[in-house]
Amino acid sequence: MLKLVLAYDGSAQAKKAVDHLSWWPASDLDVVVVTALRGGPALNDVGDAVEVDPTEKARAEQALSVLTADLKKIGIAAVGRVVVGDPRDAVVEVAIRESADLIVTGSRGLNLAKRMLLGSVSTDILHNAPCPVLLVR
């Protein structure tokens, strides 16, 4: 059984990464799909301060629910996790906690200027991962 962490943000590149799961027999995969939400001050519906926008969290949970259900329909064991934090750190932390055999993530292909200003999530994951990384473009 291959323990796989799939970084998922709903982007076109993340959807391509999902498509690459077809490289393995479905019954051989145990997938943890991770969506990382950047924390920050937000208010819930009663006005209390919370770590992350509840609407954004609910949207992420719904997207993960749909994705994991679709994966299960084709025989892939999958669970979704919404985590709060920088995606660079969150994906690596989940991979460590889950003793992942592989991380699969999409790459947006930022140009040099954007990489210098913003940094690249996929590059950081690649450099800090506790296991091999499949980077999908």
Protein backbone atom coordinates (compact mmCIF):
# COMPACT_ATOMS: atom_id res chain seq x y z
CA MET A 1 0.00 0.00 0.00
CA LEU A 2 1.41 3.38 -1.02
CA LYS A 3 0.74 6.15 1.54
CA LEU A 4 0.39 9.29 -0.50
CA VAL A 5 -0.14 12.92 0.53
CA LEU A 6 -1.83 14.97 -2.18
CA ALA A 7 -1.57 18.75 -1.86
CA TYR A 8 -4.82 20.20 -3.20
CA ASP A 9 -5.88 23.81 -3.59
CA GLY A 10 -8.47 23.44 -6.35
CA SER A 11 -6.19 24.95 -9.02
CA ALA A 12 -5.81 23.51 -12.51
CA GLN A 13 -2.38 22.21 -11.51
CA ALA A 14 -3.79 20.48 -8.43
CA LYS A 15 -6.44 18.82 -10.61
CA LYS A 16 -3.68 17.59 -12.94
CA ALA A 17 -1.94 16.14 -9.89
CA VAL A 18 -5.14 14.26 -9.02
CA ASP A 19 -5.22 12.87 -12.57
CA HIS A 20 -1.74 11.41 -12.05
CA LEU A 21 -3.05 9.11 -9.33
CA SER A 22 -4.10 6.88 -12.22
CA TRP A 23 -0.44 5.82 -12.52
CA TRP A 24 -0.98 3.37 -9.68
CA PRO A 25 -3.56 0.64 -9.15
CA ALA A 26 -6.37 2.22 -7.11
CA SER A 27 -6.34 -0.58 -4.56
CA ASP A 28 -2.66 0.13 -3.81
CA LEU A 29 -3.25 3.75 -2.75
CA ASP A 30 -3.99 5.26 0.64
CA VAL A 31 -4.37 8.99 -0.01
CA VAL A 32 -4.50 11.92 2.39
CA VAL A 33 -5.68 15.00 0.50
CA VAL A 34 -4.45 18.19 2.18
CA THR A 35 -5.76 21.69 1.71
CA ALA A 36 -3.90 24.35 3.66
CA LEU A 37 -5.63 27.61 4.57
CA ARG A 38 -3.51 30.52 5.59
CA GLY A 39 -4.53 31.64 9.06
CA GLY A 40 -5.37 35.17 9.95
CA PRO A 41 -7.84 37.14 11.90
CA ALA A 42 -11.41 36.54 10.79
CA LEU A 43 -14.84 36.71 12.40
CA ASN A 44 -17.37 33.90 12.59
CA ASP A 45 -21.13 34.46 12.18
CA VAL A 46 -21.54 35.62 15.80
CA GLY A 47 -18.63 38.06 15.60
CA ASP A 48 -16.03 36.09 17.54
CA ALA A 49 -12.43 36.17 16.34
CA VAL A 50 -11.34 32.89 14.73
CA GLU A 51 -8.13 31.63 13.21
CA VAL A 52 -9.50 31.23 9.68
CA ASP A 53 -12.53 32.52 7.78
CA PRO A 54 -15.34 30.00 8.45
CA THR A 55 -16.76 30.44 4.94
CA GLU A 56 -13.38 29.70 3.37
CA LYS A 57 -12.96 26.67 5.63
CA ALA A 58 -16.42 25.36 4.78
CA ARG A 59 -15.71 25.80 1.06
CA ALA A 60 -12.42 23.91 1.40
CA GLU A 61 -14.07 21.10 3.38
CA GLN A 62 -16.81 20.79 0.75
CA ALA A 63 -14.26 20.62 -2.09
CA LEU A 64 -12.30 17.94 -0.22
CA SER A 65 -15.47 16.01 0.47
CA VAL A 66 -16.35 15.94 -3.23
CA LEU A 67 -12.81 15.00 -4.24
CA THR A 68 -12.43 12.20 -1.69
CA ALA A 69 -15.87 10.83 -2.64
CA ASP A 70 -14.82 10.80 -6.31
CA LEU A 71 -11.58 9.00 -5.42
CA LYS A 72 -13.47 6.43 -3.37
CA LYS A 73 -15.81 5.77 -6.32
CA ILE A 74 -12.81 4.58 -8.34
CA GLY A 75 -11.49 2.45 -5.49
CA ILE A 76 -8.90 4.77 -3.95
CA ALA A 77 -8.89 4.96 -0.14
CA ALA A 78 -8.90 8.70 0.58
CA VAL A 79 -9.43 11.12 3.44
CA GLY A 80 -9.39 14.91 3.33
CA ARG A 81 -7.70 17.25 5.78
CA VAL A 82 -8.10 21.01 5.98
CA VAL A 83 -5.18 22.44 7.92
CA VAL A 84 -4.43 26.00 8.92
CA GLY A 85 -1.01 27.36 8.10
CA ASP A 86 1.42 28.05 5.33
CA PRO A 87 0.98 25.36 2.65
CA ARG A 88 4.77 25.00 2.45
CA ASP A 89 4.89 23.78 6.03
CA ALA A 90 1.47 22.16 6.30
CA VAL A 91 1.94 19.63 3.51
CA VAL A 92 5.36 18.58 4.81
CA GLU A 93 4.03 18.29 8.38
CA VAL A 94 1.15 16.06 7.26
CA ALA A 95 3.57 13.91 5.25
CA ILE A 96 5.75 13.48 8.34
CA ARG A 97 2.78 12.74 10.62
CA GLU A 98 1.33 10.23 8.13
CA SER A 99 4.70 8.58 7.35
CA ALA A 100 3.99 9.26 3.69
CA ASP A 101 5.77 7.33 0.97
CA LEU A 102 5.17 10.09 -1.58
CA ILE A 103 3.87 13.67 -1.86
CA VAL A 104 2.05 14.65 -5.04
CA THR A 105 1.62 18.34 -5.80
CA GLY A 106 0.99 20.59 -8.74
CA SER A 107 3.36 23.31 -9.85
CA ARG A 108 2.16 26.63 -11.14
CA GLY A 109 5.35 27.33 -13.04
CA LEU A 110 5.96 30.81 -11.64
CA ASN A 111 8.43 32.94 -13.53
CA LEU A 112 11.69 33.97 -11.84
CA ALA A 113 10.37 37.33 -10.60
CA LYS A 114 7.29 35.82 -8.95
CA ARG A 115 9.37 33.00 -7.41
CA MET A 116 11.75 35.59 -5.95
CA LEU A 117 8.92 37.72 -4.54
CA LEU A 118 6.39 35.08 -3.52
CA GLY A 119 8.42 31.93 -3.23
CA SER A 120 7.25 28.64 -4.63
CA VAL A 121 5.15 26.31 -2.51
CA SER A 122 6.09 23.30 -4.64
CA THR A 123 9.82 24.14 -4.47
CA ASP A 124 9.68 24.45 -0.68
CA ILE A 125 7.83 21.14 -0.41
CA LEU A 126 10.40 19.53 -2.68
CA HIS A 127 13.30 20.77 -0.56
CA ASN A 128 11.78 19.92 2.83
CA ALA A 129 9.82 16.75 2.18
CA PRO A 130 10.56 13.64 4.24
CA CYS A 131 9.88 11.46 1.20
CA PRO A 132 9.95 11.60 -2.62
CA VAL A 133 7.82 14.27 -4.31
CA LEU A 134 5.98 14.02 -7.61
CA LEU A 135 5.70 17.54 -9.03
CA VAL A 136 3.05 17.79 -11.74
CA ARG A 137 3.05 20.57 -14.35
